[in-house]
Protein backbone atom coordinates (compact mmCIF):
# COMPACT_ATOMS: atom_id res chain seq x y z
CA MET A 1 51.29 42.79 1.61
CA ASN A 2 50.78 44.39 5.00
CA LYS A 3 47.33 45.69 4.44
CA LEU A 4 46.80 42.00 3.24
CA ILE A 5 47.61 40.63 6.23
CA SER A 6 45.93 43.37 8.52
CA LEU A 7 42.51 42.50 6.42
CA LEU A 8 42.78 39.07 7.20
CA LEU A 9 43.23 39.35 10.88
CA PHE A 10 40.25 41.88 10.68
CA SER A 11 37.95 39.72 9.13
CA LEU A 12 38.84 36.96 11.38
CA PHE A 13 38.35 39.07 14.39
CA PHE A 14 34.89 40.41 13.88
CA ILE A 15 33.42 37.11 12.35
CA SER A 16 30.14 36.59 13.82
CA ASP A 17 30.89 33.45 16.30
CA VAL A 18 27.94 31.42 16.37
CA ASN A 19 29.59 30.29 19.93
CA ALA A 20 30.12 33.74 21.80
CA ARG A 21 27.90 32.28 24.56
CA GLU A 22 30.07 29.43 25.12
CA ASP A 23 32.69 30.43 27.40
CA ARG A 24 35.08 27.79 26.48
CA PHE A 25 35.01 28.44 23.05
CA GLU A 26 35.38 32.12 23.62
CA SER A 27 38.16 32.30 25.65
CA ILE A 28 39.93 29.79 23.33
CA PHE A 29 38.83 32.54 20.18
CA VAL A 30 41.14 35.27 22.43
CA GLN A 31 43.64 32.87 23.22
CA ASP A 32 44.29 31.98 19.13
CA GLN A 33 45.40 35.37 18.49
CA LYS A 34 48.38 35.35 21.22
CA ASP A 35 49.23 31.74 20.79
CA PRO A 36 47.67 29.86 18.32
CA ALA A 37 49.79 26.76 19.26
CA THR A 38 47.96 26.82 22.97
CA ALA A 39 44.30 27.22 21.35
CA LEU A 40 44.80 24.70 19.19
CA ALA A 41 45.91 21.97 21.69
CA GLN A 42 43.28 23.12 23.78
CA LEU A 43 41.06 22.20 20.43
CA LYS A 44 42.37 19.22 19.79
CA ARG A 45 41.43 17.74 23.62
CA ILE A 46 37.70 19.25 23.31
CA TYR A 47 37.72 17.11 19.66
CA ALA A 48 39.17 14.64 20.98
CA LYS A 49 36.33 14.14 24.12
CA ALA A 50 33.23 14.98 21.21
CA ILE A 51 34.66 12.41 18.97
CA ASP A 52 34.43 9.93 22.52
CA ASP A 53 31.29 11.16 23.29
CA ASN A 54 29.83 10.96 19.61
CA ASP A 55 28.97 14.54 19.55
CA GLU A 56 29.10 15.74 16.67
CA LEU A 57 27.85 19.43 17.17
CA LYS A 58 30.65 19.88 19.01
CA GLU A 59 32.90 18.04 17.05
CA GLY A 60 32.01 20.77 14.11
CA LYS A 61 32.00 23.70 16.35
CA CYS A 62 35.89 22.75 17.36
CA LEU A 63 36.30 21.71 13.14
CA LYS A 64 35.34 25.26 12.27
CA GLN A 65 37.67 27.29 15.43
CA MET A 66 40.74 24.98 14.31
CA GLY A 67 39.94 25.91 10.47
CA LYS A 68 39.80 29.66 11.22
CA ILE A 69 43.48 29.17 13.28
CA CYS A 70 44.81 27.33 10.78
CA TYR A 71 44.37 29.76 8.08
CA THR A 72 45.60 32.89 10.36
CA GLN A 73 48.51 30.76 10.54
CA GLY A 74 49.17 30.70 6.55
CA HIS A 75 47.95 26.73 6.73
CA PHE A 76 45.10 26.90 4.00
CA SER A 77 44.93 23.23 3.24
CA GLN A 78 44.17 22.44 6.71
CA SER A 79 41.99 25.03 6.97
CA LEU A 80 40.21 24.11 4.43
CA GLU A 81 40.21 20.59 5.05
CA PHE A 82 38.78 21.16 9.04
CA PHE A 83 36.19 23.57 7.67
CA LEU A 84 34.46 21.39 4.77
CA LYS A 85 34.36 18.74 7.64
CA ALA A 86 32.57 21.00 9.61
CA ASP A 87 30.50 21.94 6.68
CA LYS A 88 29.05 18.24 6.61
CA ILE A 89 28.52 18.11 10.17
CA PHE A 90 26.47 21.35 10.63
CA GLY A 91 24.36 20.60 7.10
CA ASN A 92 23.31 17.17 8.39
CA ALA A 93 22.57 18.51 12.28
CA ASN A 94 20.41 20.76 10.55
CA GLN A 95 22.01 24.00 12.43
CA PRO A 96 21.65 26.69 9.59
CA LEU A 97 22.93 29.37 12.18
CA LEU A 98 26.55 27.19 12.46
CA LEU A 99 26.86 26.53 8.77
CA ALA A 100 26.46 29.86 7.65
CA ALA A 101 29.13 31.36 10.11
CA ASN A 102 31.21 28.55 8.87
CA LEU A 103 30.64 29.16 5.50
CA ASN A 104 31.79 32.85 5.99
CA ASP A 105 35.11 31.65 7.55
CA ALA A 106 35.46 29.26 4.22
CA GLY A 107 34.94 32.13 1.74
CA VAL A 108 37.80 34.34 4.24
CA LEU A 109 39.43 31.63 2.88
CA TYR A 110 38.87 31.02 -0.56
CA TYR A 111 39.66 34.92 -0.65
CA TYR A 112 43.15 34.37 0.34
CA MET A 113 43.65 31.55 -1.61
CA LYS A 114 43.45 33.83 -4.63
CA GLN A 115 39.80 31.33 -5.13
CA LYS A 116 37.40 34.54 -5.83
CA ASP A 117 34.70 33.00 -7.66
CA LYS A 118 34.60 30.16 -4.91
CA ALA A 119 34.90 32.92 -1.91
CA MET A 120 31.73 34.34 -3.71
CA ASN A 121 29.52 31.22 -3.92
CA SER A 122 30.82 30.79 0.07
CA TYR A 123 29.48 34.18 0.96
CA ARG A 124 26.49 33.78 -1.38
CA LYS A 125 25.37 30.92 0.47
CA ALA A 126 26.24 32.14 3.86
CA ILE A 127 24.14 35.26 3.41
CA ASP A 128 21.25 33.39 2.07
CA LEU A 129 21.05 31.56 5.12
CA TYR A 130 21.57 34.84 7.53
CA LYS A 131 18.88 36.13 5.54
CA ARG A 132 16.67 33.05 5.90
CA LEU A 133 17.78 33.44 9.44
CA ASN A 134 16.81 37.26 9.82
CA ASN A 135 20.64 37.73 11.42
CA LEU A 136 21.25 41.19 10.96
CA THR A 137 24.84 40.71 12.50
CA GLY A 138 25.63 37.86 10.55
CA GLN A 139 24.32 39.85 6.94
CA VAL A 140 26.37 42.59 7.41
CA THR A 141 29.90 40.28 8.15
CA VAL A 142 29.42 38.65 4.72
CA LEU A 143 27.89 41.71 3.16
CA GLY A 144 31.42 43.85 4.23
CA ASN A 145 33.66 40.68 3.15
CA ILE A 146 31.83 40.41 -0.47
CA GLY A 147 32.45 44.31 -0.77
CA GLN A 148 36.03 43.66 0.01
CA LEU A 149 36.34 40.83 -2.48
CA TYR A 150 34.72 43.01 -5.42
CA GLU A 151 37.47 46.14 -4.10
CA LYS A 152 40.20 43.45 -4.80
CA ARG A 153 38.48 43.16 -8.17
CA GLN A 154 38.76 46.97 -8.95
CA LEU A 155 35.36 46.41 -9.50
CA TYR A 156 34.38 49.52 -6.81
CA ASP A 157 30.62 50.42 -7.44
CA SER A 158 30.02 46.91 -6.53
CA ALA A 159 32.26 47.34 -3.37
CA PHE A 160 30.34 50.39 -2.44
CA TYR A 161 26.97 48.74 -3.08
CA TYR A 162 27.49 46.10 -0.42
CA GLN A 163 29.59 48.11 1.93
CA LYS A 164 26.67 50.74 1.92
CA LEU A 165 24.06 47.46 2.63
CA ALA A 166 26.28 46.44 5.60
CA LEU A 167 26.54 50.11 6.85
CA LYS A 168 22.67 50.86 6.56
CA ILE A 169 22.26 47.07 8.91
CA THR A 170 25.18 48.43 11.53
CA GLU A 171 23.02 51.59 11.56
CA LYS A 172 19.71 49.60 13.16
CA LEU A 173 21.92 47.27 15.02
CA ASN A 174 24.05 50.02 16.74
CA ASN A 175 27.27 47.84 16.55
CA LYS A 176 30.14 50.37 16.99
CA SER A 177 32.56 47.40 16.00
CA GLU A 178 31.02 46.38 12.65
CA ALA A 179 30.25 49.86 11.42
CA ALA A 180 34.16 50.95 12.37
CA LYS A 181 35.01 48.00 10.58
CA ILE A 182 32.24 48.92 7.47
CA HIS A 183 34.04 52.84 7.89
CA GLU A 184 37.56 51.13 7.65
CA ASN A 185 36.55 49.26 3.95
CA PHE A 186 34.74 52.58 2.64
CA GLY A 187 38.24 53.66 3.28
CA SER A 188 40.41 51.28 1.86
CA ILE A 189 38.18 52.09 -1.13
CA TYR A 190 38.63 55.50 -1.60
CA GLU A 191 42.42 54.97 -0.60
CA ASP A 192 42.82 52.92 -3.75
CA LEU A 193 40.66 55.11 -6.20
CA GLU A 194 43.15 57.98 -4.72
CA ARG A 195 40.37 59.58 -3.26
CA TYR A 196 42.53 60.79 -0.31
CA ASP A 197 40.02 63.39 1.49
CA SER A 198 37.01 60.70 1.55
CA ALA A 199 39.25 58.00 2.61
CA TYR A 200 40.68 60.05 5.76
CA VAL A 201 36.69 61.13 6.61
CA HIS A 202 35.75 57.22 6.86
CA PHE A 203 38.86 56.26 8.68
CA LYS A 204 38.24 59.15 10.99
CA GLN A 205 34.67 57.68 12.25
CA SER A 206 36.44 54.11 11.84
CA LEU A 207 38.96 55.33 14.79
CA ASP A 208 36.31 57.32 17.00
CA LEU A 209 33.88 53.82 16.88
CA TYR A 210 37.18 51.61 17.67
CA GLN A 211 38.19 54.25 20.55
CA LYS A 212 34.14 54.19 21.58
CA ASP A 213 34.31 50.18 21.25
CA ARG A 214 37.80 50.32 22.68
CA ASN A 215 39.39 47.90 20.15
CA LYS A 216 43.27 48.73 20.73
CA LEU A 217 43.81 46.25 17.50
CA GLY A 218 41.67 48.27 15.85
CA SER A 219 42.48 51.67 16.48
CA ILE A 220 46.33 50.61 15.94
CA GLU A 221 45.55 50.02 12.14
CA VAL A 222 43.14 52.93 11.33
CA ILE A 223 45.72 54.92 13.32
CA ASN A 224 48.07 53.70 10.74
CA ASN A 225 45.88 54.28 7.93
CA LEU A 226 45.69 58.02 8.99
CA GLY A 227 49.49 58.21 8.61
CA ASP A 228 49.63 56.54 5.14
CA ILE A 229 46.80 58.98 3.76
CA LEU A 230 48.69 61.80 5.21
CA ARG A 231 51.88 60.99 4.10
CA LYS A 232 50.35 60.11 0.52
CA THR A 233 48.84 63.44 0.67
CA GLY A 234 52.49 65.55 1.60
CA ARG A 235 51.22 66.15 4.83
CA TYR A 236 54.19 64.59 6.22
CA LYS A 237 54.41 66.26 9.62
CA GLU A 238 50.93 65.06 10.55
CA SER A 239 51.67 61.69 9.02
CA ILE A 240 54.25 61.19 12.14
CA VAL A 241 52.41 62.74 14.31
CA GLN A 242 49.67 59.93 13.89
CA THR A 243 52.21 56.88 13.24
CA GLU A 244 54.14 57.83 16.38
CA THR A 245 50.58 57.51 17.77
CA ALA A 246 50.03 53.99 16.59
CA LEU A 247 53.79 52.96 17.59
CA LYS A 248 53.09 53.97 20.97
CA LEU A 249 49.62 52.18 21.00
CA ALA A 250 51.86 49.37 19.32
CA GLU A 251 54.51 48.77 21.66
CA LYS A 252 52.11 49.26 24.58
CA MET A 253 50.28 46.28 23.40
CA GLY A 254 52.90 44.40 22.69
CA ASN A 255 52.41 43.78 19.35
CA ILE A 256 55.55 43.45 17.44
CA TYR A 257 53.81 43.27 13.75
CA GLN A 258 52.52 46.78 14.50
CA VAL A 259 55.60 47.89 15.89
CA SER A 260 57.70 46.90 13.04
CA SER A 261 54.89 48.10 10.42
CA CYS A 262 54.97 51.60 11.91
CA CYS A 263 58.34 51.83 12.11
CA ARG A 264 58.87 51.32 8.33
CA ASP A 265 56.13 54.02 7.91
CA LEU A 266 58.11 56.34 9.73
CA GLY A 267 60.99 55.45 7.89
CA LYS A 268 59.24 56.37 4.66
CA ALA A 269 57.73 59.80 6.19
CA TYR A 270 61.15 61.18 7.61
CA GLU A 271 62.66 59.96 3.87
CA LEU A 272 60.28 62.11 1.92
CA LEU A 273 60.77 65.01 5.07
CA ASN A 274 64.65 64.34 3.67
CA ASN A 275 65.53 63.89 7.14
CA MET A 276 67.56 60.58 6.77
CA ASP A 277 69.28 60.05 10.20
CA SER A 278 65.50 59.58 11.28
CA ALA A 279 64.64 58.20 8.48
CA TYR A 280 67.84 55.23 8.62
CA HIS A 281 66.91 54.92 12.65
CA TYR A 282 63.13 53.80 11.96
CA VAL A 283 64.05 51.74 8.88
CA LYS A 284 66.42 49.26 10.89
CA LEU A 285 64.33 49.21 13.93
CA GLY A 286 62.08 47.99 11.53
CA TYR A 287 64.24 45.56 10.03
CA LYS A 288 64.90 44.50 13.61
CA TYR A 289 61.59 44.27 14.52
CA THR A 290 60.81 42.00 11.56
CA ILE A 291 63.46 40.24 12.25
CA ASP A 292 62.43 39.18 15.71
CA LEU A 293 58.88 38.95 14.43
CA TYR A 294 60.13 35.97 12.16
CA SER A 295 62.20 34.50 14.71
CA VAL A 296 59.14 34.52 17.32
CA ASP A 297 56.63 33.35 14.15
CA GLY A 298 59.50 30.64 13.60
CA ALA A 299 59.01 29.24 17.01
CA ARG A 300 55.17 29.43 17.13
CA GLN A 301 55.46 27.80 13.62
CA ALA A 302 56.97 25.05 15.14
CA ALA A 303 55.07 24.75 18.07
CA PHE A 304 52.22 25.06 15.59
CA LEU A 305 53.07 22.35 13.13
CA GLN A 306 53.81 19.78 16.23
CA VAL A 307 50.47 20.90 17.54
CA LEU A 308 48.58 19.89 13.97
CA TYR A 309 50.78 16.96 13.47
CA ASP A 310 49.46 15.34 16.75
CA ILE A 311 45.74 16.11 15.64
CA ASN A 312 46.07 14.64 12.11
CA LYS A 313 47.92 11.39 14.26
CA LYS A 314 45.34 11.56 16.64
CA SER A 315 42.70 11.63 13.87
CA ASP A 316 44.34 9.18 12.19
CA GLU A 317 44.21 6.83 15.10
CA ILE A 318 40.70 7.65 15.73
CA ILE A 319 39.66 6.87 12.25
CA ARG A 320 41.90 3.53 12.35
CA LEU A 321 40.34 2.45 15.75
CA LYS A 322 36.58 3.67 14.52
CA ASN A 323 37.27 1.58 10.92
CA ASP A 324 38.24 -1.58 12.89
CA ARG A 325 35.39 -1.49 15.10
CA LYS A 326 33.49 -0.68 11.94
CA VAL A 327 35.41 -3.97 10.74
CA ASN A 328 34.19 -6.24 13.68
CA ARG A 329 30.80 -5.30 13.75
CA ILE A 330 30.72 -5.97 10.23
CA ILE A 331 32.27 -9.48 10.41
CA ALA A 332 30.22 -10.13 13.46
CA PHE A 333 26.99 -9.09 11.96
CA SER A 334 28.37 -10.69 8.61
CA SER A 335 28.82 -14.01 10.68
CA ALA A 336 25.36 -13.55 11.90
CA ILE A 337 24.08 -13.18 7.95
CA VAL A 338 25.85 -16.11 7.12
CA VAL A 339 24.16 -18.51 9.33
CA ILE A 340 20.51 -17.66 8.50
CA LEU A 341 21.18 -17.06 4.99
CA LEU A 342 21.95 -20.66 4.91
CA VAL A 343 18.99 -21.54 6.94
CA VAL A 344 16.87 -19.80 4.44
CA LEU A 345 18.65 -20.70 1.56
CA GLY A 346 17.79 -24.48 2.36
CA PHE A 347 14.54 -23.48 3.01
CA VAL A 348 14.63 -21.98 -0.27
CA ILE A 349 15.84 -24.72 -1.95
CA PHE A 350 13.42 -27.55 -0.71
CA SER A 351 10.46 -24.80 -1.47
CA ARG A 352 11.82 -24.14 -4.62
CA GLN A 353 11.95 -27.64 -5.92
CA ARG A 354 8.28 -28.07 -4.75
CA LEU A 355 6.95 -25.20 -6.66
CA LYS A 356 9.15 -25.73 -9.40
CA LEU A 357 7.23 -29.60 -9.73
CA LYS A 358 4.49 -27.17 -9.46
CA ASP A 359 5.47 -24.66 -12.04
CA GLN A 360 6.25 -27.28 -14.81
CA HIS A 361 2.53 -28.79 -14.32
CA MET A 362 1.20 -25.61 -14.70
CA LEU A 363 3.38 -24.46 -17.47
CA ALA A 364 2.21 -27.77 -19.16
CA ARG A 365 -0.87 -27.11 -18.49
CA GLN A 366 -0.71 -23.37 -19.90
CA LYS A 367 1.04 -24.69 -22.92
CA ALA A 368 -1.63 -27.13 -23.91
CA ILE A 369 -4.23 -24.14 -23.06
CA GLU A 370 -2.20 -21.88 -25.37
CA HIS A 371 -1.42 -24.17 -28.08
CA ASP A 372 -5.69 -24.82 -28.51
CA MET A 373 -6.17 -21.33 -28.44
CA THR A 374 -3.72 -20.76 -31.12
CA SER A 375 -5.09 -23.68 -33.04
CA LEU A 376 -8.54 -21.80 -33.07
CA GLU A 377 -7.83 -18.51 -33.67
CA LEU A 378 -5.51 -19.50 -36.54
CA LYS A 379 -8.82 -21.39 -37.84
CA ASN A 380 -10.98 -18.41 -37.45
CA LEU A 381 -8.33 -16.79 -39.30
CA GLN A 382 -8.70 -19.15 -42.11
CA LEU A 383 -12.51 -18.75 -42.37
CA GLU A 384 -12.81 -14.81 -42.14
CA GLU A 385 -9.91 -14.86 -45.02
CA GLN A 386 -12.11 -17.50 -47.05
CA ASN A 387 -15.46 -15.33 -46.43
CA LEU A 388 -13.71 -12.07 -47.44
CA LYS A 389 -12.59 -14.16 -50.38
CA GLN A 390 -16.06 -15.70 -51.37
CA LEU A 391 -17.49 -12.28 -50.11
CA LEU A 392 -14.76 -10.24 -52.90
CA GLU A 393 -15.58 -12.93 -55.57
CA VAL A 394 -19.52 -12.07 -55.26
CA LYS A 395 -19.17 -8.48 -55.16
CA SER A 396 -16.99 -9.12 -58.59
CA ARG A 397 -19.35 -10.96 -60.35
CA GLU A 398 -21.70 -8.62 -59.60
CA LEU A 399 -20.13 -5.57 -60.74
CA SER A 400 -19.69 -7.31 -63.68
CA THR A 401 -22.84 -7.70 -64.35
CA HIS A 402 -23.93 -4.40 -63.57
CA THR A 403 -21.19 -3.29 -65.62
CA LEU A 404 -22.56 -5.77 -68.57
CA ASN A 405 -26.44 -4.46 -68.12
CA LEU A 406 -25.27 -0.94 -68.63
CA ILE A 407 -23.63 -1.88 -71.59
CA LYS A 408 -26.76 -3.85 -72.89
CA HIS A 409 -28.92 -1.11 -71.73
CA ASN A 410 -26.97 1.49 -73.63
CA GLN A 411 -26.23 -0.55 -76.82
CA PHE A 412 -30.44 -0.63 -77.00
CA LEU A 413 -30.44 2.93 -76.67
CA GLU A 414 -27.99 3.37 -79.11
CA ASN A 415 -29.30 1.32 -81.38
CA LEU A 416 -32.92 2.64 -81.00
CA ARG A 417 -31.30 6.29 -81.10
CA SER A 418 -29.91 5.57 -84.71
CA THR A 419 -32.94 3.99 -85.99
CA LEU A 420 -34.60 7.12 -84.76
CA GLN A 421 -32.13 9.40 -86.24
CA ALA A 422 -32.62 7.88 -89.79
CA MET A 423 -36.11 8.39 -89.60
CA VAL A 424 -35.96 11.95 -88.36
CA LYS A 425 -33.78 12.29 -91.68
CA GLU A 426 -36.51 11.47 -93.77
CA ASP A 427 -38.37 14.55 -92.98
CA LYS A 428 -41.96 13.51 -92.20
CA ARG A 429 -43.14 16.47 -90.45
CA ASP A 430 -46.41 14.75 -88.96
CA GLN A 431 -43.25 11.67 -87.02
CA LYS A 432 -40.60 14.28 -86.64
CA LYS A 433 -41.47 15.97 -83.53
CA GLN A 434 -42.43 13.03 -81.14
CA MET A 435 -38.97 10.93 -82.45
CA SER A 436 -37.13 14.28 -81.36
CA GLN A 437 -38.98 14.07 -78.28
CA ILE A 438 -38.24 10.54 -77.95
CA LEU A 439 -34.38 11.08 -78.90
CA THR A 440 -34.17 13.71 -76.50
CA GLU A 441 -35.24 11.44 -73.31
CA ILE A 442 -32.84 8.48 -74.93
CA ASN A 443 -29.65 10.59 -74.26
CA GLN A 444 -30.95 11.52 -70.93
CA SER A 445 -31.15 7.86 -70.12
CA PHE A 446 -27.43 7.45 -71.25
CA ASN A 447 -26.18 9.63 -67.93
CA HIS A 448 -29.07 8.27 -65.52
CA GLU A 449 -27.46 9.37 -62.27
CA ARG A 450 -29.20 6.31 -60.68
CA ASN A 451 -27.47 3.82 -62.52
CA TRP A 452 -24.28 5.14 -62.18
CA LYS A 453 -24.57 5.73 -58.06
CA GLU A 454 -25.56 1.99 -57.89
CA PHE A 455 -22.17 1.30 -60.18
CA THR A 456 -20.23 3.43 -58.26
CA ALA A 457 -21.19 1.58 -54.73
CA ALA A 458 -20.98 -1.53 -56.56
CA PHE A 459 -17.06 -0.16 -57.47
CA GLU A 460 -16.51 0.76 -54.05
CA GLN A 461 -17.29 -2.36 -52.77
CA VAL A 462 -14.28 -3.92 -54.83
CA HIS A 463 -11.72 -1.70 -55.01
CA HIS A 464 -12.07 -0.20 -51.39
CA GLN A 465 -11.22 3.56 -50.85
CA PHE A 466 -10.08 3.91 -55.03
CA LEU A 467 -11.64 6.51 -56.25
CA GLU A 468 -11.52 8.65 -52.92
CA SER A 469 -7.74 8.15 -53.20
CA LEU A 470 -6.96 8.96 -56.57
CA LYS A 471 -7.52 12.78 -55.22
CA LYS A 472 -4.67 13.21 -53.83
CA TYR A 473 -3.13 12.75 -57.92
CA SER A 474 -5.65 15.88 -58.74
CA GLN A 475 -8.04 17.99 -57.14
CA GLU A 476 -10.02 18.96 -60.71
CA LEU A 477 -10.68 15.14 -61.13
CA THR A 478 -15.01 15.89 -62.10
CA SER A 479 -17.57 13.38 -61.50
CA ALA A 480 -17.31 12.02 -65.21
CA ASP A 481 -13.66 11.89 -65.04
CA MET A 482 -13.94 9.43 -62.19
CA ARG A 483 -16.36 7.30 -64.10
CA LEU A 484 -14.15 6.97 -66.98
CA ILE A 485 -11.27 6.50 -64.38
CA ALA A 486 -13.50 3.24 -63.04
CA LEU A 487 -14.29 1.97 -66.35
CA LEU A 488 -10.68 1.89 -67.80
CA LYS A 489 -9.85 0.26 -64.05
CA MET A 490 -12.19 -2.49 -65.05
CA ASN A 491 -10.11 -2.70 -67.87
CA LEU A 492 -13.40 -2.23 -70.77
CA ASP A 493 -12.30 -1.63 -74.37
CA SER A 494 -12.71 1.75 -76.01
CA GLY A 495 -16.17 0.82 -77.57
CA ASP A 496 -17.89 -0.30 -74.52
CA ILE A 497 -16.71 2.66 -72.24
CA ALA A 498 -17.82 5.05 -75.51
CA THR A 499 -21.55 3.24 -75.07
CA LEU A 500 -21.62 3.84 -71.53
CA LEU A 501 -20.67 6.95 -71.11
CA GLY A 502 -23.23 7.81 -74.61
CA ILE A 503 -20.37 9.27 -76.04
CA SER A 504 -18.76 8.46 -79.25
CA THR A 505 -15.03 7.60 -79.61
CA ASP A 506 -13.75 10.52 -80.87
CA SER A 507 -15.21 12.04 -77.79
CA LEU A 508 -13.83 9.39 -75.45
CA ARG A 509 -9.99 10.28 -76.60
CA VAL A 510 -10.70 13.43 -75.88
CA SER A 511 -11.65 12.90 -72.25
CA ARG A 512 -8.62 10.07 -72.11
CA TYR A 513 -6.71 12.77 -72.98
CA ARG A 514 -8.19 15.86 -71.11
CA LEU A 515 -7.80 13.30 -68.09
CA ARG A 516 -4.18 12.53 -68.75
CA LYS A 517 -3.08 16.26 -68.16
CA LYS A 518 -5.15 16.60 -65.30
CA LEU A 519 -3.54 13.67 -63.78
CA ASN A 520 0.03 14.91 -64.44
CA LEU A 521 0.87 12.46 -66.87
CA ALA A 522 3.97 12.74 -68.88
CA GLN A 523 3.84 12.08 -72.59
CA GLY A 524 4.53 8.23 -73.62
CA HIS A 525 2.78 7.07 -70.09
CA ASN A 526 0.33 5.07 -70.80
CA LEU A 527 -3.37 6.43 -68.86
CA SER A 528 -4.61 2.87 -68.72
CA ALA A 529 -1.50 0.97 -67.24
CA PHE A 530 -1.06 3.92 -64.49
CA ILE A 531 -5.07 3.58 -63.39
CA GLN A 532 -4.43 -0.15 -63.53
CA ALA A 533 -1.17 0.13 -61.14
CA LEU A 534 -3.42 1.67 -58.55
């Protein structure tokens, strides 16, 4: 618990304050370490004047400082409220440096509120802003805080990584105070890992830097840490020397908290040396200082809470006054708007009546025109439909005529072929050769491609894309299959189909059977009915 509180105090003490150049805020920052109630009261007066002067930037700075004071006193919810208000002001005012410092402070607050994810998110935003501004001092502070956050999560590799990054930057800056704090953080990590030799080295380096920087409070804390390391490693007498040194410095400085902590540590050391009289003396003395500390803290807390109450009360009054002013302005503005709207409304009603009459005339004319256009389009559609029907009837008649001619032509050829075949069988040698030649020519004329091309063209005009759509049922259909399908589509009888194709009815049955297989028709399905349904 002691370590936690000390970490909080040191985190606050070394956070880079963007208002360091403003003497008034700097003096208040020093004051809040000794008398937070007085510091808060001073900030309250500055904050009230900033509101009256409408100086939002100063409002934000006051809120940020009040937030820091509140969380040192354990008023976390009030502190968070101040930080969030400051964050909004700095963001709106485009003050990235102030925003980054405020985010870092809020991260420390979230850390002590046990909301580590929010703390990390706040630190990440702060480090991004510091990197964009190339502010190395701010980066060191945030990196150190991130390292502490990983240490408390017992993620020591990450803790070392961020502390090393921070130490590397402090070497460039030659900043003794920041370097001392980073070495103290290293010592704390090594102490958690029970690597006491390494912890001792870093605490010693931290002490040297604090002493060079004349930082008494930091020196006391680190000397006490050195005493803890010596006690944990069994060097009790050396531990007592270090703790007594810290005690004298704390008494000289008047820091009751550190005096109480040193007394408790001395009690532990003397107890380990089995010197119970001294152990009892220092434990009792530590208890006395703790009681005194709580008494002082109680009085301070009462004064602090009174100031905080006054701030909240004043803020409520300011908000109420602002709201009253806003309401009065809104009422006046609304009244003016109502008058203007009534005038405009009268003019609009008059204009709308005139426009309404115009629109009614225009609408009537437009409807008449649309009615005429619709009637005309309907007539055109009826004419187109009639023309298409007539064209289809003509094409159908052409196809029927063409088919009939083909049938007659093939029937004539069939009769002629039969006669010639009979003559050939009479075996008159002088005529046989010539008649065989004539038969060959007749057979060839049955499948004359030009006639079929003309037939196909006429068929496609009547049955548009019919033959092409058949290919989705089978990719194996030949031109002969297509001709057979077309003739079946025309619903011709088998004799006419055989005549047109120049084959016998037996051959036609075989062709139909093969076509059924190509079209994947199950047994029992009628081929003609299937084709007619397409």
